[in-house]
């Protein structure tokens, strides 16, 4: 059985172009949703970002460049093509030297 809906058709996104067009680094833009999950893109730059903690998990997928994090005192480098799951309730901060394009998948409640 095929159900027809009013949802938009599938979309193709040029993630690098979208990230480079964003007015500010480290400010994400929601591209769309898969079910209730948000899919966001952002442009990283080399500056440090203070600790943040969320009450939901985040999937951090580096599309280009690298993301440098500190989690529980440990330095973690996520390279292009790698996905890191930031666990709900665990503080994490961005270390100097990150750059490129990041996709975030999250499910805030």
PDB file of N, CA and C in Angstrom:
ATOM      1  N   UNK A   1       0.840  -1.169   0.000  1.00  0.00           N
ATOM      2  CA  UNK A   1       0.000   0.000   0.000  1.00  0.00           C
ATOM      3  C   UNK A   1       0.893   1.242   0.000  1.00  0.00           C
ATOM      4  N   UNK A   2       0.610   2.210  -0.824  1.00  0.00           N
ATOM      5  CA  UNK A   2       1.353   3.458  -0.901  1.00  0.00           C
ATOM      6  C   UNK A   2       0.515   4.558  -0.279  1.00  0.00           C
ATOM      7  N   UNK A   3       1.111   5.265   0.654  1.00  0.00           N
ATOM      8  CA  UNK A   3       0.426   6.384   1.281  1.00  0.00           C
ATOM      9  C   UNK A   3       0.961   7.678   0.701  1.00  0.00           C
ATOM     10  N   UNK A   4       0.102   8.564   0.301  1.00  0.00           N
ATOM     11  CA  UNK A   4       0.508   9.866  -0.194  1.00  0.00           C
ATOM     12  C   UNK A   4       0.487  10.857   0.959  1.00  0.00           C
ATOM     13  N   UNK A   5       1.510  11.696   1.022  1.00  0.00           N
ATOM     14  CA  UNK A   5       1.577  12.699   2.085  1.00  0.00           C
ATOM     15  C   UNK A   5       1.879  14.057   1.476  1.00  0.00           C
ATOM     16  N   UNK A   6       1.769  15.086   2.298  1.00  0.00           N
ATOM     17  CA  UNK A   6       2.089  16.444   1.862  1.00  0.00           C
ATOM     18  C   UNK A   6       3.549  16.800   2.126  1.00  0.00           C
ATOM     19  N   UNK A   7       4.349  15.830   2.572  1.00  0.00           N
ATOM     20  CA  UNK A   7       5.741  16.118   2.880  1.00  0.00           C
ATOM     21  C   UNK A   7       6.508  16.467   1.611  1.00  0.00           C
ATOM     22  N   UNK A   8       7.545  17.271   1.786  1.00  0.00           N
ATOM     23  CA  UNK A   8       8.379  17.672   0.650  1.00  0.00           C
ATOM     24  C   UNK A   8       9.087  16.458   0.067  1.00  0.00           C
ATOM     25  N   UNK A   9       9.391  16.503  -1.221  1.00  0.00           N
ATOM     26  CA  UNK A   9      10.146  15.404  -1.822  1.00  0.00           C
ATOM     27  C   UNK A   9      11.567  15.372  -1.264  1.00  0.00           C
ATOM     28  N   UNK A  10      12.279  14.308  -1.559  1.00  0.00           N
ATOM     29  CA  UNK A  10      13.665  14.203  -1.117  1.00  0.00           C
ATOM     30  C   UNK A  10      14.456  15.401  -1.618  1.00  0.00           C
ATOM     31  N   UNK A  11      15.464  15.776  -0.847  1.00  0.00           N
ATOM     32  CA  UNK A  11      16.265  16.947  -1.195  1.00  0.00           C
ATOM     33  C   UNK A  11      17.736  16.579  -1.243  1.00  0.00           C
ATOM     34  N   UNK A  12      18.467  17.266  -2.106  1.00  0.00           N
ATOM     35  CA  UNK A  12      19.910  17.118  -2.213  1.00  0.00           C
ATOM     36  C   UNK A  12      20.548  18.385  -1.654  1.00  0.00           C
ATOM     37  N   UNK A  13      21.511  18.223  -0.742  1.00  0.00           N
ATOM     38  CA  UNK A  13      22.155  19.363  -0.105  1.00  0.00           C
ATOM     39  C   UNK A  13      23.639  19.383  -0.436  1.00  0.00           C
ATOM     40  N   UNK A  14      24.163  20.528  -0.805  1.00  0.00           N
ATOM     41  CA  UNK A  14      25.602  20.740  -0.952  1.00  0.00           C
ATOM     42  C   UNK A  14      26.085  21.274   0.394  1.00  0.00           C
ATOM     43  N   UNK A  15      26.527  20.364   1.253  1.00  0.00           N
ATOM     44  CA  UNK A  15      26.838  20.720   2.637  1.00  0.00           C
ATOM     45  C   UNK A  15      27.957  21.746   2.744  1.00  0.00           C
ATOM     46  N   UNK A  16      28.998  21.599   1.946  1.00  0.00           N
ATOM     47  CA  UNK A  16      30.111  22.553   2.004  1.00  0.00           C
ATOM     48  C   UNK A  16      29.644  23.948   1.610  1.00  0.00           C
ATOM     49  N   UNK A  17      28.838  24.045   0.565  1.00  0.00           N
ATOM     50  CA  UNK A  17      28.341  25.356   0.118  1.00  0.00           C
ATOM     51  C   UNK A  17      27.414  25.965   1.162  1.00  0.00           C
ATOM     52  N   UNK A  18      26.531  25.150   1.729  1.00  0.00           N
ATOM     53  CA  UNK A  18      25.616  25.663   2.749  1.00  0.00           C
ATOM     54  C   UNK A  18      26.380  26.174   3.967  1.00  0.00           C
ATOM     55  N   UNK A  19      27.386  25.411   4.404  1.00  0.00           N
ATOM     56  CA  UNK A  19      28.175  25.821   5.565  1.00  0.00           C
ATOM     57  C   UNK A  19      28.948  27.104   5.280  1.00  0.00           C
ATOM     58  N   UNK A  20      29.522  27.209   4.088  1.00  0.00           N
ATOM     59  CA  UNK A  20      30.314  28.412   3.785  1.00  0.00           C
ATOM     60  C   UNK A  20      29.439  29.651   3.656  1.00  0.00           C
ATOM     61  N   UNK A  21      28.161  29.466   3.330  1.00  0.00           N
ATOM     62  CA  UNK A  21      27.236  30.595   3.208  1.00  0.00           C
ATOM     63  C   UNK A  21      26.668  31.064   4.549  1.00  0.00           C
ATOM     64  N   UNK A  22      26.883  30.295   5.611  1.00  0.00           N
ATOM     65  CA  UNK A  22      26.354  30.696   6.914  1.00  0.00           C
ATOM     66  C   UNK A  22      27.039  31.979   7.379  1.00  0.00           C
ATOM     67  N   UNK A  23      26.293  32.883   8.002  1.00  0.00           N
ATOM     68  CA  UNK A  23      26.859  34.174   8.389  1.00  0.00           C
ATOM     69  C   UNK A  23      27.885  34.103   9.519  1.00  0.00           C
ATOM     70  N   UNK A  24      27.852  33.032  10.306  1.00  0.00           N
ATOM     71  CA  UNK A  24      28.742  32.953  11.463  1.00  0.00           C
ATOM     72  C   UNK A  24      29.161  31.511  11.707  1.00  0.00           C
ATOM     73  N   UNK A  25      30.440  31.309  12.012  1.00  0.00           N
ATOM     74  CA  UNK A  25      30.920  29.980  12.383  1.00  0.00           C
ATOM     75  C   UNK A  25      30.301  29.568  13.718  1.00  0.00           C
ATOM     76  N   UNK A  26      30.129  28.277  13.894  1.00  0.00           N
ATOM     77  CA  UNK A  26      29.618  27.671  15.116  1.00  0.00           C
ATOM     78  C   UNK A  26      28.150  27.996  15.388  1.00  0.00           C
ATOM     79  N   UNK A  27      27.421  28.491  14.396  1.00  0.00           N
ATOM     80  CA  UNK A  27      25.971  28.684  14.500  1.00  0.00           C
ATOM     81  C   UNK A  27      25.332  27.756  13.480  1.00  0.00           C
ATOM     82  N   UNK A  28      24.656  26.723  13.954  1.00  0.00           N
ATOM     83  CA  UNK A  28      24.099  25.727  13.043  1.00  0.00           C
ATOM     84  C   UNK A  28      22.819  26.221  12.386  1.00  0.00           C
ATOM     85  N   UNK A  29      22.528  25.594  11.265  1.00  0.00           N
ATOM     86  CA  UNK A  29      21.296  25.850  10.530  1.00  0.00           C
ATOM     87  C   UNK A  29      20.611  24.509  10.300  1.00  0.00           C
ATOM     88  N   UNK A  30      19.333  24.420  10.610  1.00  0.00           N
ATOM     89  CA  UNK A  30      18.592  23.169  10.430  1.00  0.00           C
ATOM     90  C   UNK A  30      18.301  22.979   8.948  1.00  0.00           C
ATOM     91  N   UNK A  31      18.766  21.833   8.409  1.00  0.00           N
ATOM     92  CA  UNK A  31      18.510  21.490   7.009  1.00  0.00           C
ATOM     93  C   UNK A  31      17.168  20.801   6.844  1.00  0.00           C
ATOM     94  N   UNK A  32      16.816  20.004   7.830  1.00  0.00           N
ATOM     95  CA  UNK A  32      15.577  19.244   7.753  1.00  0.00           C
ATOM     96  C   UNK A  32      15.482  18.293   8.931  1.00  0.00           C
ATOM     97  N   UNK A  33      14.588  17.333   8.784  1.00  0.00           N
ATOM     98  CA  UNK A  33      14.314  16.387   9.863  1.00  0.00           C
ATOM     99  C   UNK A  33      14.178  14.981   9.294  1.00  0.00           C
ATOM    100  N   UNK A  34      14.566  14.018  10.090  1.00  0.00           N
ATOM    101  CA  UNK A  34      14.272  12.615   9.822  1.00  0.00           C
ATOM    102  C   UNK A  34      13.476  12.171  11.033  1.00  0.00           C
ATOM    103  N   UNK A  35      12.171  11.967  10.833  1.00  0.00           N
ATOM    104  CA  UNK A  35      11.301  11.767  11.979  1.00  0.00           C
ATOM    105  C   UNK A  35      11.418  12.998  12.858  1.00  0.00           C
ATOM    106  N   UNK A  36      11.570  12.819  14.170  1.00  0.00           N
ATOM    107  CA  UNK A  36      11.696  13.980  15.052  1.00  0.00           C
ATOM    108  C   UNK A  36      13.135  14.510  15.184  1.00  0.00           C
ATOM    109  N   UNK A  37      14.107  13.847  14.565  1.00  0.00           N
ATOM    110  CA  UNK A  37      15.507  14.271  14.687  1.00  0.00           C
ATOM    111  C   UNK A  37      15.818  15.451  13.770  1.00  0.00           C
ATOM    112  N   UNK A  38      16.598  16.390  14.287  1.00  0.00           N
ATOM    113  CA  UNK A  38      17.076  17.529  13.499  1.00  0.00           C
ATOM    114  C   UNK A  38      18.348  17.145  12.759  1.00  0.00           C
ATOM    115  N   UNK A  39      18.491  17.614  11.538  1.00  0.00           N
ATOM    116  CA  UNK A  39      19.746  17.514  10.797  1.00  0.00           C
ATOM    117  C   UNK A  39      20.219  18.942  10.574  1.00  0.00           C
ATOM    118  N   UNK A  40      21.411  19.249  11.106  1.00  0.00           N
ATOM    119  CA  UNK A  40      21.936  20.619  11.056  1.00  0.00           C
ATOM    120  C   UNK A  40      23.315  20.627  10.405  1.00  0.00           C
ATOM    121  N   UNK A  41      23.680  21.768   9.855  1.00  0.00           N
ATOM    122  CA  UNK A  41      25.025  21.958   9.313  1.00  0.00           C
ATOM    123  C   UNK A  41      25.619  23.212   9.940  1.00  0.00           C
ATOM    124  N   UNK A  42      26.937  23.198  10.122  1.00  0.00           N
ATOM    125  CA  UNK A  42      27.609  24.409  10.580  1.00  0.00           C
ATOM    126  C   UNK A  42      29.025  24.454  10.040  1.00  0.00           C
ATOM    127  N   UNK A  43      29.555  25.647  10.052  1.00  0.00           N
ATOM    128  CA  UNK A  43      30.937  25.892   9.636  1.00  0.00           C
ATOM    129  C   UNK A  43      31.776  26.054  10.893  1.00  0.00           C
ATOM    130  N   UNK A  44      32.852  25.273  10.966  1.00  0.00           N
ATOM    131  CA  UNK A  44      33.757  25.355  12.109  1.00  0.00           C
ATOM    132  C   UNK A  44      34.875  26.347  11.793  1.00  0.00           C
ATOM    133  N   UNK A  45      35.424  26.966  12.830  1.00  0.00           N
ATOM    134  CA  UNK A  45      36.632  27.769  12.686  1.00  0.00           C
ATOM    135  C   UNK A  45      37.559  27.432  13.851  1.00  0.00           C
ATOM    136  N   UNK A  46      38.797  27.944  13.847  1.00  0.00           N
ATOM    137  CA  UNK A  46      39.802  27.492  14.811  1.00  0.00           C
ATOM    138  C   UNK A  46      39.610  27.917  16.265  1.00  0.00           C
ATOM    139  N   UNK A  47      38.638  28.755  16.559  1.00  0.00           N
ATOM    140  CA  UNK A  47      38.543  29.253  17.939  1.00  0.00           C
ATOM    141  C   UNK A  47      37.995  28.196  18.904  1.00  0.00           C
ATOM    142  N   UNK A  48      38.232  28.430  20.172  1.00  0.00           N
ATOM    143  CA  UNK A  48      37.761  27.557  21.247  1.00  0.00           C
ATOM    144  C   UNK A  48      36.321  27.924  21.596  1.00  0.00           C
ATOM    145  N   UNK A  49      35.523  26.909  21.895  1.00  0.00           N
ATOM    146  CA  UNK A  49      34.136  27.118  22.328  1.00  0.00           C
ATOM    147  C   UNK A  49      34.004  26.509  23.726  1.00  0.00           C
ATOM    148  N   UNK A  50      33.428  27.254  24.659  1.00  0.00           N
ATOM    149  CA  UNK A  50      33.282  26.803  26.048  1.00  0.00           C
ATOM    150  C   UNK A  50      32.451  25.529  26.154  1.00  0.00           C
ATOM    151  N   UNK A  51      32.574  24.890  27.332  1.00  0.00           N
ATOM    152  CA  UNK A  51      31.794  23.682  27.626  1.00  0.00           C
ATOM    153  C   UNK A  51      30.322  23.891  27.318  1.00  0.00           C
ATOM    154  N   UNK A  52      29.726  22.842  26.769  1.00  0.00           N
ATOM    155  CA  UNK A  52      28.273  22.806  26.648  1.00  0.00           C
ATOM    156  C   UNK A  52      27.832  21.399  27.000  1.00  0.00           C
ATOM    157  N   UNK A  53      26.610  21.295  27.463  1.00  0.00           N
ATOM    158  CA  UNK A  53      26.042  20.001  27.816  1.00  0.00           C
ATOM    159  C   UNK A  53      24.580  20.021  27.403  1.00  0.00           C
ATOM    160  N   UNK A  54      24.117  18.886  26.897  1.00  0.00           N
ATOM    161  CA  UNK A  54      22.738  18.785  26.422  1.00  0.00           C
ATOM    162  C   UNK A  54      22.040  17.640  27.148  1.00  0.00           C
ATOM    163  N   UNK A  55      20.730  17.698  27.201  1.00  0.00           N
ATOM    164  CA  UNK A  55      19.976  16.596  27.802  1.00  0.00           C
ATOM    165  C   UNK A  55      19.557  15.583  26.736  1.00  0.00           C
ATOM    166  N   UNK A  56      20.240  15.587  25.612  1.00  0.00           N
ATOM    167  CA  UNK A  56      19.994  14.653  24.511  1.00  0.00           C
ATOM    168  C   UNK A  56      21.338  14.325  23.850  1.00  0.00           C
ATOM    169  N   UNK A  57      21.394  13.161  23.195  1.00  0.00           N
ATOM    170  CA  UNK A  57      22.596  12.772  22.457  1.00  0.00           C
ATOM    171  C   UNK A  57      22.716  13.620  21.195  1.00  0.00           C
ATOM    172  N   UNK A  58      23.957  13.793  20.730  1.00  0.00           N
ATOM    173  CA  UNK A  58      24.220  14.454  19.454  1.00  0.00           C
ATOM    174  C   UNK A  58      25.134  13.553  18.631  1.00  0.00           C
ATOM    175  N   UNK A  59      24.825  13.410  17.353  1.00  0.00           N
ATOM    176  CA  UNK A  59      25.747  12.788  16.415  1.00  0.00           C
ATOM    177  C   UNK A  59      26.504  13.902  15.718  1.00  0.00           C
ATOM    178  N   UNK A  60      27.835  13.871  15.774  1.00  0.00           N
ATOM    179  CA  UNK A  60      28.681  14.903  15.181  1.00  0.00           C
ATOM    180  C   UNK A  60      29.457  14.273  14.027  1.00  0.00           C
ATOM    181  N   UNK A  61      29.076  14.586  12.801  1.00  0.00           N
ATOM    182  CA  UNK A  61      29.666  14.009  11.596  1.00  0.00           C
ATOM    183  C   UNK A  61      30.493  15.074  10.887  1.00  0.00           C
ATOM    184  N   UNK A  62      31.802  14.867  10.850  1.00  0.00           N
ATOM    185  CA  UNK A  62      32.685  15.817  10.177  1.00  0.00           C
ATOM    186  C   UNK A  62      32.688  15.495   8.683  1.00  0.00           C
ATOM    187  N   UNK A  63      32.278  16.464   7.885  1.00  0.00           N
ATOM    188  CA  UNK A  63      32.215  16.304   6.432  1.00  0.00           C
ATOM    189  C   UNK A  63      33.544  16.703   5.799  1.00  0.00           C
ATOM    190  N   UNK A  64      34.144  17.786   6.286  1.00  0.00           N
ATOM    191  CA  UNK A  64      35.443  18.261   5.797  1.00  0.00           C
ATOM    192  C   UNK A  64      36.197  18.861   6.972  1.00  0.00           C
ATOM    193  N   UNK A  65      37.516  18.708   6.972  1.00  0.00           N
ATOM    194  CA  UNK A  65      38.334  19.269   8.041  1.00  0.00           C
ATOM    195  C   UNK A  65      38.402  18.352   9.241  1.00  0.00           C
ATOM    196  N   UNK A  66      38.411  18.955  10.434  1.00  0.00           N
ATOM    197  CA  UNK A  66      38.446  18.168  11.667  1.00  0.00           C
ATOM    198  C   UNK A  66      37.832  18.955  12.816  1.00  0.00           C
ATOM    199  N   UNK A  67      37.276  18.201  13.746  1.00  0.00           N
ATOM    200  CA  UNK A  67      36.696  18.742  14.967  1.00  0.00           C
ATOM    201  C   UNK A  67      37.548  18.254  16.127  1.00  0.00           C
ATOM    202  N   UNK A  68      38.012  19.190  16.953  1.00  0.00           N
ATOM    203  CA  UNK A  68      38.809  18.858  18.128  1.00  0.00           C
ATOM    204  C   UNK A  68      37.972  19.139  19.368  1.00  0.00           C
ATOM    205  N   UNK A  69      37.738  18.099  20.175  1.00  0.00           N
ATOM    206  CA  UNK A  69      36.921  18.211  21.382  1.00  0.00           C
ATOM    207  C   UNK A  69      37.719  17.825  22.614  1.00  0.00           C
ATOM    208  N   UNK A  70      37.246  18.304  23.753  1.00  0.00           N
ATOM    209  CA  UNK A  70      37.688  17.793  25.040  1.00  0.00           C
ATOM    210  C   UNK A  70      36.453  17.264  25.744  1.00  0.00           C
ATOM    211  N   UNK A  71      36.512  15.985  26.123  1.00  0.00           N
ATOM    212  CA  UNK A  71      35.402  15.325  26.808  1.00  0.00           C
ATOM    213  C   UNK A  71      35.981  14.598  28.016  1.00  0.00           C
ATOM    214  N   UNK A  72      35.517  14.959  29.208  1.00  0.00           N
ATOM    215  CA  UNK A  72      35.999  14.347  30.454  1.00  0.00           C
ATOM    216  C   UNK A  72      37.520  14.403  30.550  1.00  0.00           C
ATOM    217  N   UNK A  73      38.108  15.534  30.158  1.00  0.00           N
ATOM    218  CA  UNK A  73      39.550  15.713  30.249  1.00  0.00           C
ATOM    219  C   UNK A  73      40.349  15.055  29.139  1.00  0.00           C
ATOM    220  N   UNK A  74      39.698  14.355  28.238  1.00  0.00           N
ATOM    221  CA  UNK A  74      40.375  13.671  27.132  1.00  0.00           C
ATOM    222  C   UNK A  74      40.202  14.463  25.839  1.00  0.00           C
ATOM    223  N   UNK A  75      41.302  14.633  25.103  1.00  0.00           N
ATOM    224  CA  UNK A  75      41.232  15.289  23.799  1.00  0.00           C
ATOM    225  C   UNK A  75      40.852  14.268  22.735  1.00  0.00           C
ATOM    226  N   UNK A  76      39.881  14.637  21.919  1.00  0.00           N
ATOM    227  CA  UNK A  76      39.386  13.752  20.865  1.00  0.00           C
ATOM    228  C   UNK A  76      39.413  14.528  19.556  1.00  0.00           C
ATOM    229  N   UNK A  77      39.977  13.922  18.518  1.00  0.00           N
ATOM    230  CA  UNK A  77      39.973  14.524  17.188  1.00  0.00           C
ATOM    231  C   UNK A  77      39.088  13.685  16.286  1.00  0.00           C
ATOM    232  N   UNK A  78      38.103  14.329  15.680  1.00  0.00           N
ATOM    233  CA  UNK A  78      37.194  13.673  14.741  1.00  0.00           C
ATOM    234  C   UNK A  78      37.539  14.225  13.362  1.00  0.00           C
ATOM    235  N   UNK A  79      37.970  13.350  12.477  1.00  0.00           N
ATOM    236  CA  UNK A  79      38.389  13.750  11.136  1.00  0.00           C
ATOM    237  C   UNK A  79      37.257  13.603  10.132  1.00  0.00           C
ATOM    238  N   UNK A  80      37.457  14.173   8.952  1.00  0.00           N
ATOM    239  CA  UNK A  80      36.467  14.071   7.877  1.00  0.00           C
ATOM    240  C   UNK A  80      36.107  12.606   7.650  1.00  0.00           C
ATOM    241  N   UNK A  81      34.820  12.347   7.578  1.00  0.00           N
ATOM    242  CA  UNK A  81      34.327  10.990   7.383  1.00  0.00           C
ATOM    243  C   UNK A  81      34.074  10.239   8.677  1.00  0.00           C
ATOM    244  N   UNK A  82      34.392  10.844   9.814  1.00  0.00           N
ATOM    245  CA  UNK A  82      34.175  10.190  11.102  1.00  0.00           C
ATOM    246  C   UNK A  82      32.974  10.803  11.819  1.00  0.00           C
ATOM    247  N   UNK A  83      32.318   9.955  12.620  1.00  0.00           N
ATOM    248  CA  UNK A  83      31.136  10.342  13.387  1.00  0.00           C
ATOM    249  C   UNK A  83      31.433  10.123  14.863  1.00  0.00           C
ATOM    250  N   UNK A  84      31.118  11.115  15.678  1.00  0.00           N
ATOM    251  CA  UNK A  84      31.284  11.017  17.125  1.00  0.00           C
ATOM    252  C   UNK A  84      29.921  11.198  17.767  1.00  0.00           C
ATOM    253  N   UNK A  85      29.590  10.340  18.741  1.00  0.00           N
ATOM    254  CA  UNK A  85      28.345  10.518  19.477  1.00  0.00           C
ATOM    255  C   UNK A  85      28.646  11.196  20.800  1.00  0.00           C
ATOM    256  N   UNK A  86      28.146  12.417  20.952  1.00  0.00           N
ATOM    257  CA  UNK A  86      28.251  13.143  22.215  1.00  0.00           C
ATOM    258  C   UNK A  86      27.096  12.679  23.098  1.00  0.00           C
ATOM    259  N   UNK A  87      27.436  12.119  24.238  1.00  0.00           N
ATOM    260  CA  UNK A  87      26.447  11.525  25.128  1.00  0.00           C
ATOM    261  C   UNK A  87      25.690  12.597  25.907  1.00  0.00           C
ATOM    262  N   UNK A  88      24.401  12.401  26.032  1.00  0.00           N
ATOM    263  CA  UNK A  88      23.558  13.317  26.805  1.00  0.00           C
ATOM    264  C   UNK A  88      24.114  13.462  28.217  1.00  0.00           C
ATOM    265  N   UNK A  89      24.121  14.709  28.716  1.00  0.00           N
ATOM    266  CA  UNK A  89      24.541  14.973  30.079  1.00  0.00           C
ATOM    267  C   UNK A  89      26.039  15.065  30.302  1.00  0.00           C
ATOM    268  N   UNK A  90      26.846  14.817  29.268  1.00  0.00           N
ATOM    269  CA  UNK A  90      28.303  14.865  29.410  1.00  0.00           C
ATOM    270  C   UNK A  90      28.829  16.159  28.787  1.00  0.00           C
ATOM    271  N   UNK A  91      29.468  17.023  29.588  1.00  0.00           N
ATOM    272  CA  UNK A  91      30.006  18.274  29.036  1.00  0.00           C
ATOM    273  C   UNK A  91      31.088  18.004  27.990  1.00  0.00           C
ATOM    274  N   UNK A  92      31.103  18.826  26.965  1.00  0.00           N
ATOM    275  CA  UNK A  92      32.146  18.755  25.942  1.00  0.00           C
ATOM    276  C   UNK A  92      32.442  20.175  25.470  1.00  0.00           C
ATOM    277  N   UNK A  93      33.696  20.398  25.081  1.00  0.00           N
ATOM    278  CA  UNK A  93      34.058  21.723  24.575  1.00  0.00           C
ATOM    279  C   UNK A  93      34.922  21.569  23.341  1.00  0.00           C
ATOM    280  N   UNK A  94      34.861  22.580  22.486  1.00  0.00           N
ATOM    281  CA  UNK A  94      35.639  22.596  21.255  1.00  0.00           C
ATOM    282  C   UNK A  94      37.005  23.198  21.560  1.00  0.00           C
ATOM    283  N   UNK A  95      38.043  22.497  21.142  1.00  0.00           N
ATOM    284  CA  UNK A  95      39.410  22.975  21.315  1.00  0.00           C
ATOM    285  C   UNK A  95      39.851  23.781  20.098  1.00  0.00           C
ATOM    286  N   UNK A  96      40.851  24.621  20.288  1.00  0.00           N
ATOM    287  CA  UNK A  96      41.394  25.418  19.187  1.00  0.00           C
ATOM    288  C   UNK A  96      41.895  24.500  18.072  1.00  0.00           C
ATOM    289  N   UNK A  97      41.715  24.938  16.847  1.00  0.00           N
ATOM    290  CA  UNK A  97      42.238  24.200  15.699  1.00  0.00           C
ATOM    291  C   UNK A  97      41.203  23.451  14.891  1.00  0.00           C
ATOM    292  N   UNK A  98      39.947  23.444  15.319  1.00  0.00           N
ATOM    293  CA  UNK A  98      38.900  22.820  14.506  1.00  0.00           C
ATOM    294  C   UNK A  98      38.690  23.660  13.253  1.00  0.00           C
ATOM    295  N   UNK A  99      38.252  23.017  12.180  1.00  0.00           N
ATOM    296  CA  UNK A  99      37.966  23.737  10.936  1.00  0.00           C
ATOM    297  C   UNK A  99      37.179  22.821  10.008  1.00  0.00           C
ATOM    298  N   UNK A 100      36.411  23.409   9.101  1.00  0.00           N
ATOM    299  CA  UNK A 100      35.696  22.626   8.102  1.00  0.00           C
ATOM    300  C   UNK A 100      34.192  22.662   8.282  1.00  0.00           C
ATOM    301  N   UNK A 101      33.556  21.564   7.878  1.00  0.00           N
ATOM    302  CA  UNK A 101      32.096  21.460   7.864  1.00  0.00           C
ATOM    303  C   UNK A 101      31.648  20.330   8.774  1.00  0.00           C
ATOM    304  N   UNK A 102      30.654  20.611   9.608  1.00  0.00           N
ATOM    305  CA  UNK A 102      30.134  19.649  10.572  1.00  0.00           C
ATOM    306  C   UNK A 102      28.636  19.496  10.378  1.00  0.00           C
ATOM    307  N   UNK A 103      28.166  18.243  10.382  1.00  0.00           N
ATOM    308  CA  UNK A 103      26.735  17.951  10.394  1.00  0.00           C
ATOM    309  C   UNK A 103      26.402  17.417  11.783  1.00  0.00           C
ATOM    310  N   UNK A 104      25.333  17.943  12.361  1.00  0.00           N
ATOM    311  CA  UNK A 104      24.869  17.521  13.683  1.00  0.00           C
ATOM    312  C   UNK A 104      23.494  16.887  13.528  1.00  0.00           C
ATOM    313  N   UNK A 105      23.327  15.724  14.135  1.00  0.00           N
ATOM    314  CA  UNK A 105      22.013  15.081  14.197  1.00  0.00           C
ATOM    315  C   UNK A 105      21.656  14.998  15.672  1.00  0.00           C
ATOM    316  N   UNK A 106      20.513  15.590  16.041  1.00  0.00           N
ATOM    317  CA  UNK A 106      20.106  15.548  17.440  1.00  0.00           C
ATOM    318  C   UNK A 106      18.593  15.385  17.550  1.00  0.00           C
ATOM    319  N   UNK A 107      18.182  15.031  18.742  1.00  0.00           N
ATOM    320  CA  UNK A 107      16.770  14.781  19.012  1.00  0.00           C
ATOM    321  C   UNK A 107      16.402  15.426  20.343  1.00  0.00           C
ATOM    322  N   UNK A 108      16.328  16.770  20.372  1.00  0.00           N
ATOM    323  CA  UNK A 108      15.949  17.423  21.623  1.00  0.00           C
ATOM    324  C   UNK A 108      14.527  17.045  22.025  1.00  0.00           C
ATOM    325  N   UNK A 109      14.323  16.957  23.317  1.00  0.00           N
ATOM    326  CA  UNK A 109      12.975  16.606  23.787  1.00  0.00           C
ATOM    327  C   UNK A 109      12.194  17.829  24.162  1.00  0.00           C
TER     328      UNK A 109
END
